[in-house]
């Protein structure tokens, strides 16, 4: 049986809802490890996993991307972002942490990226007057924006990418391990599934709303929210512009020492 994995966020729902078999859901960093170790055959996973380990075939035509504000990949901060000294990284993040590194470097911002362990000294930093911030992704970012809008500013990484690069940003791709003998039928099923979900968006949104367990959040994560999220903030295609965006990201990662410099090639199915 095909071992398939998927990131466990609302942004992935249009790409996985209705898959006729078991799916292992996990956070991006954990899922990247499981795919790289051969524990999954196919996974909707961070695009950075492909860039650092380009052994995979890529399902053409579908991705999780944005062409402007993405809403659910943010730095939550107080004060001016230019005054932020340190940003705590989300341990689940892969693509977003490297995107943040590139954006800070390109925009000339000097914030240091730190792990959650390092941020345990947050109280002492605040006592010294240093500004601090956190990178939040996926459903945690959505929750923070809805519950803490009066406490924080939110620096949207999709919006900042659009400021400096005139192409969409690709956060996640369907990747297929090289051992999978015949990936084309799998890729076709995934493309068909995405098309069907986007063609029946009201049904998908009804499932999304019903799946929100927190009664407080359920009042805010209503149909209108999901219509904005899926139609305005997210893109689910992987065409020429998205590929150019991914190429640009690879180039910037190499420029800033996050990846080795090498030729960029997509093995599409």
Protein backbone atom coordinates (compact mmCIF):
# COMPACT_ATOMS: atom_id res chain seq x y z
CA UNK A 1 0.00 0.00 0.00
CA UNK A 2 1.21 3.50 -0.85
CA UNK A 3 2.62 5.25 2.21
CA UNK A 4 1.48 8.84 1.86
CA UNK A 5 2.12 11.78 4.18
CA UNK A 6 0.77 15.29 4.40
CA UNK A 7 1.43 18.41 6.47
CA UNK A 8 -1.21 18.74 9.19
CA UNK A 9 -2.45 22.25 8.46
CA UNK A 10 -5.64 23.75 7.05
CA UNK A 11 -3.72 25.03 4.03
CA UNK A 12 -3.26 21.43 2.86
CA UNK A 13 -6.94 20.47 2.99
CA UNK A 14 -7.70 21.20 -0.70
CA UNK A 15 -4.86 18.89 -1.71
CA UNK A 16 -5.66 15.90 0.51
CA UNK A 17 -9.40 15.87 1.35
CA UNK A 18 -10.97 12.74 -0.09
CA UNK A 19 -7.78 10.72 -0.60
CA UNK A 20 -9.01 7.08 -0.64
CA UNK A 21 -6.52 5.60 1.75
CA UNK A 22 -4.58 6.12 4.98
CA UNK A 23 -2.59 9.34 5.32
CA UNK A 24 0.09 10.11 7.92
CA UNK A 25 -0.27 13.73 9.02
CA UNK A 26 2.64 15.50 10.67
CA UNK A 27 4.41 18.83 11.07
CA UNK A 28 6.71 19.91 8.21
CA UNK A 29 10.07 19.18 9.87
CA UNK A 30 9.00 15.73 11.08
CA UNK A 31 7.43 14.85 7.75
CA UNK A 32 10.57 15.91 5.87
CA UNK A 33 12.59 13.48 8.00
CA UNK A 34 10.12 10.66 7.42
CA UNK A 35 10.19 11.19 3.67
CA UNK A 36 13.98 11.50 3.55
CA UNK A 37 14.36 8.31 5.63
CA UNK A 38 12.11 6.37 3.28
CA UNK A 39 9.27 5.99 5.79
CA UNK A 40 6.89 7.67 3.31
CA UNK A 41 6.66 7.06 -0.44
CA UNK A 42 4.89 10.31 -1.31
CA UNK A 43 4.38 13.41 0.82
CA UNK A 44 3.05 16.93 0.62
CA UNK A 45 6.01 18.51 2.31
CA UNK A 46 8.18 21.64 2.54
CA UNK A 47 9.58 22.82 -0.77
CA UNK A 48 12.96 23.26 0.93
CA UNK A 49 13.16 19.48 1.33
CA UNK A 50 13.37 19.19 -2.45
CA UNK A 51 15.93 21.99 -2.75
CA UNK A 52 18.33 20.47 -0.23
CA UNK A 53 17.77 16.87 -1.33
CA UNK A 54 16.78 16.89 -5.03
CA UNK A 55 16.37 13.14 -5.39
CA UNK A 56 12.59 13.38 -5.57
CA UNK A 57 10.20 13.59 -8.46
CA UNK A 58 7.80 16.51 -8.18
CA UNK A 59 4.08 16.28 -8.91
CA UNK A 60 3.48 18.93 -11.56
CA UNK A 61 0.62 21.41 -11.49
CA UNK A 62 -0.12 21.57 -7.74
CA UNK A 63 1.52 23.16 -4.73
CA UNK A 64 0.81 25.33 -1.72
CA UNK A 65 1.90 28.83 -2.72
CA UNK A 66 1.04 32.51 -2.36
CA UNK A 67 1.35 35.55 -4.59
CA UNK A 68 1.25 38.18 -1.89
CA UNK A 69 0.14 37.97 1.77
CA UNK A 70 -0.20 34.31 2.80
CA UNK A 71 -1.75 35.05 6.23
CA UNK A 72 -0.48 31.86 7.91
CA UNK A 73 3.32 32.32 7.72
CA UNK A 74 4.16 35.27 9.94
CA UNK A 75 6.51 36.84 12.44
CA UNK A 76 4.53 38.01 15.48
CA UNK A 77 6.29 40.97 17.06
CA UNK A 78 5.82 44.08 19.18
CA UNK A 79 7.00 47.51 18.11
CA UNK A 80 8.74 48.05 14.77
CA UNK A 81 10.07 44.97 13.00
CA UNK A 82 13.28 46.87 12.30
CA UNK A 83 13.85 47.04 16.08
CA UNK A 84 13.53 43.29 16.60
CA UNK A 85 16.79 41.77 17.85
CA UNK A 86 15.87 38.08 17.90
CA UNK A 87 13.22 35.90 16.28
CA UNK A 88 12.36 32.52 17.75
CA UNK A 89 11.93 29.93 15.02
CA UNK A 90 9.01 27.52 14.96
CA UNK A 91 10.62 24.06 15.42
CA UNK A 92 8.12 22.62 12.95
CA UNK A 93 9.18 25.01 10.18
CA UNK A 94 11.44 24.10 7.27
CA UNK A 95 10.77 26.27 4.23
CA UNK A 96 9.53 29.22 6.29
CA UNK A 97 12.61 29.44 8.49
CA UNK A 98 14.88 29.58 5.45
CA UNK A 99 12.56 32.05 3.73
CA UNK A 100 12.77 34.27 6.81
CA UNK A 101 16.57 34.07 6.74
CA UNK A 102 16.60 35.19 3.08
CA UNK A 103 14.10 38.01 3.65
CA UNK A 104 16.02 39.45 6.59
CA UNK A 105 19.24 39.39 4.59
CA UNK A 106 17.69 40.89 1.46
CA UNK A 107 15.93 43.66 3.40
CA UNK A 108 18.96 44.48 5.52
CA UNK A 109 17.32 43.57 8.83
CA UNK A 110 19.63 42.34 11.55
CA UNK A 111 17.42 40.13 13.71
CA UNK A 112 19.11 36.93 14.88
CA UNK A 113 17.21 33.68 14.39
CA UNK A 114 17.18 31.53 17.51
CA UNK A 115 15.81 28.16 18.55
CA UNK A 116 13.07 27.68 21.11
CA UNK A 117 15.67 26.52 23.62
CA UNK A 118 17.64 29.72 23.22
CA UNK A 119 14.48 31.78 23.67
CA UNK A 120 13.96 30.47 27.21
CA UNK A 121 15.97 33.51 28.33
CA UNK A 122 13.24 35.74 26.88
CA UNK A 123 12.36 37.37 30.22
CA UNK A 124 15.92 38.54 30.76
CA UNK A 125 16.13 39.88 27.20
CA UNK A 126 12.91 41.81 27.68
CA UNK A 127 14.22 43.18 30.98
CA UNK A 128 17.20 44.56 29.06
CA UNK A 129 14.79 46.24 26.66
CA UNK A 130 15.42 44.01 23.65
CA UNK A 131 12.54 43.43 21.27
CA UNK A 132 11.74 39.80 20.48
CA UNK A 133 9.48 37.98 18.08
CA UNK A 134 8.38 34.53 16.94
CA UNK A 135 7.98 32.86 13.57
CA UNK A 136 4.59 31.14 13.42
CA UNK A 137 3.30 28.89 10.65
CA UNK A 138 0.15 27.06 9.68
CA UNK A 139 -2.75 26.76 12.09
CA UNK A 140 -0.74 28.23 14.97
CA UNK A 141 -0.23 31.41 12.94
CA UNK A 142 -3.95 31.60 12.18
CA UNK A 143 -4.82 31.16 15.86
CA UNK A 144 -2.34 33.86 16.89
CA UNK A 145 -3.73 36.36 14.39
CA UNK A 146 -7.30 35.75 15.50
CA UNK A 147 -6.67 35.71 19.25
CA UNK A 148 -3.86 38.25 19.71
CA UNK A 149 -4.45 40.90 17.06
CA UNK A 150 -4.47 43.64 19.69
CA UNK A 151 -1.17 42.54 21.25
CA UNK A 152 1.12 41.97 18.28
CA UNK A 153 1.99 43.11 14.80
CA UNK A 154 2.19 40.41 12.16
CA UNK A 155 4.95 40.48 9.52
CA UNK A 156 3.60 38.37 6.67
CA UNK A 157 6.40 36.49 4.89
CA UNK A 158 4.38 36.05 1.70
CA UNK A 159 3.81 39.79 1.54
CA UNK A 160 7.49 40.54 2.15
CA UNK A 161 8.54 38.06 -0.56
CA UNK A 162 6.25 39.81 -3.02
CA UNK A 163 7.92 43.13 -2.16
CA UNK A 164 11.27 41.90 -3.47
CA UNK A 165 10.41 39.09 -5.92
CA UNK A 166 7.77 39.38 -8.64
CA UNK A 167 6.91 35.67 -8.56
CA UNK A 168 4.77 33.54 -6.23
CA UNK A 169 6.41 31.77 -3.31
CA UNK A 170 6.05 27.97 -3.10
CA UNK A 171 5.79 26.60 0.45
CA UNK A 172 4.99 22.94 -0.19
CA UNK A 173 5.08 20.37 -2.98
CA UNK A 174 4.04 16.79 -3.50
CA UNK A 175 7.33 14.86 -3.59
CA UNK A 176 7.72 11.25 -4.71
CA UNK A 177 10.65 9.10 -3.64
CA UNK A 178 12.76 7.59 -6.46
CA UNK A 179 11.90 4.03 -5.40
CA UNK A 180 8.27 4.49 -6.45
CA UNK A 181 8.13 2.55 -9.71
CA UNK A 182 5.23 4.23 -11.50
CA UNK A 183 4.51 7.70 -10.09
CA UNK A 184 2.42 9.01 -12.99
CA UNK A 185 -0.92 7.43 -11.92
CA UNK A 186 -0.35 8.71 -8.37
CA UNK A 187 0.37 12.22 -9.65
CA UNK A 188 -2.74 12.13 -11.83
CA UNK A 189 -4.90 11.11 -8.86
CA UNK A 190 -3.47 13.94 -6.76
CA UNK A 191 -4.12 16.51 -9.50
CA UNK A 192 -7.67 15.24 -9.96
CA UNK A 193 -8.28 15.35 -6.21
CA UNK A 194 -7.12 18.97 -5.99
CA UNK A 195 -9.26 19.99 -8.97
CA UNK A 196 -12.34 18.33 -7.47
CA UNK A 197 -11.84 19.95 -4.06
CA UNK A 198 -11.38 23.42 -5.54
CA UNK A 199 -14.42 22.90 -7.79
CA UNK A 200 -16.50 22.06 -4.70
CA UNK A 201 -15.03 24.63 -2.34
CA UNK A 202 -18.23 25.08 -0.31
CA UNK A 203 -18.21 21.39 0.62
CA UNK A 204 -14.53 21.55 1.54
CA UNK A 205 -15.12 24.66 3.67
CA UNK A 206 -18.03 22.99 5.45
CA UNK A 207 -15.68 20.14 6.40
CA UNK A 208 -13.00 22.63 7.50
CA UNK A 209 -15.45 24.53 9.73
CA UNK A 210 -16.80 21.30 11.22
CA UNK A 211 -13.25 20.16 11.97
CA UNK A 212 -12.45 23.15 14.22
CA UNK A 213 -12.65 21.69 17.71
CA UNK A 214 -12.12 24.88 19.72
CA UNK A 215 -15.58 26.53 20.15
CA UNK A 216 -14.02 30.00 20.49
CA UNK A 217 -12.09 29.64 17.27
CA UNK A 218 -15.06 28.08 15.49
CA UNK A 219 -16.88 31.41 15.76
CA UNK A 220 -14.02 33.11 13.91
CA UNK A 221 -13.06 30.35 11.49
CA UNK A 222 -16.33 30.58 9.61
CA UNK A 223 -17.18 30.24 5.94
CA UNK A 224 -16.14 33.81 5.14
CA UNK A 225 -12.73 33.28 6.72
CA UNK A 226 -12.05 30.15 4.68
CA UNK A 227 -13.25 31.77 1.46
CA UNK A 228 -10.68 34.53 1.98
CA UNK A 229 -7.97 32.10 3.01
CA UNK A 230 -8.39 29.66 0.14
CA UNK A 231 -9.23 32.17 -2.59
CA UNK A 232 -7.27 35.28 -1.66
CA UNK A 233 -4.23 34.17 0.31
CA UNK A 234 -3.37 30.74 -1.11
CA UNK A 235 -2.63 29.41 -4.57
CA UNK A 236 -2.69 25.70 -5.34
CA UNK A 237 -1.17 25.54 -8.82
CA UNK A 238 2.44 24.89 -9.77
CA UNK A 239 2.91 26.52 -13.15
CA UNK A 240 5.64 28.55 -14.81
CA UNK A 241 5.45 31.49 -12.38
CA UNK A 242 5.55 29.24 -9.32
CA UNK A 243 8.56 27.40 -10.78
CA UNK A 244 10.31 30.73 -11.34
CA UNK A 245 9.57 31.63 -7.74
CA UNK A 246 11.02 28.33 -6.53
CA UNK A 247 14.11 28.90 -8.68
CA UNK A 248 14.55 32.37 -7.18
CA UNK A 249 14.24 30.96 -3.66
CA UNK A 250 16.89 28.34 -4.46
CA UNK A 251 19.21 31.07 -5.75
CA UNK A 252 18.72 33.19 -2.64
CA UNK A 253 19.31 30.21 -0.36
CA UNK A 254 22.59 29.56 -2.16
CA UNK A 255 23.51 33.24 -1.99
CA UNK A 256 23.02 33.30 1.77
CA UNK A 257 24.75 29.99 2.51
CA UNK A 258 21.67 27.87 3.18
CA UNK A 259 22.21 25.58 0.17
CA UNK A 260 25.17 24.68 -2.04
CA UNK A 261 25.29 26.35 -5.42
CA UNK A 262 24.11 23.87 -8.05
CA UNK A 263 21.97 23.59 -11.14
CA UNK A 264 18.25 23.63 -10.46
CA UNK A 265 16.28 20.88 -12.21
CA UNK A 266 12.76 19.57 -11.66
CA UNK A 267 11.94 15.93 -12.38
CA UNK A 268 8.22 16.43 -13.00
CA UNK A 269 5.53 13.75 -13.13
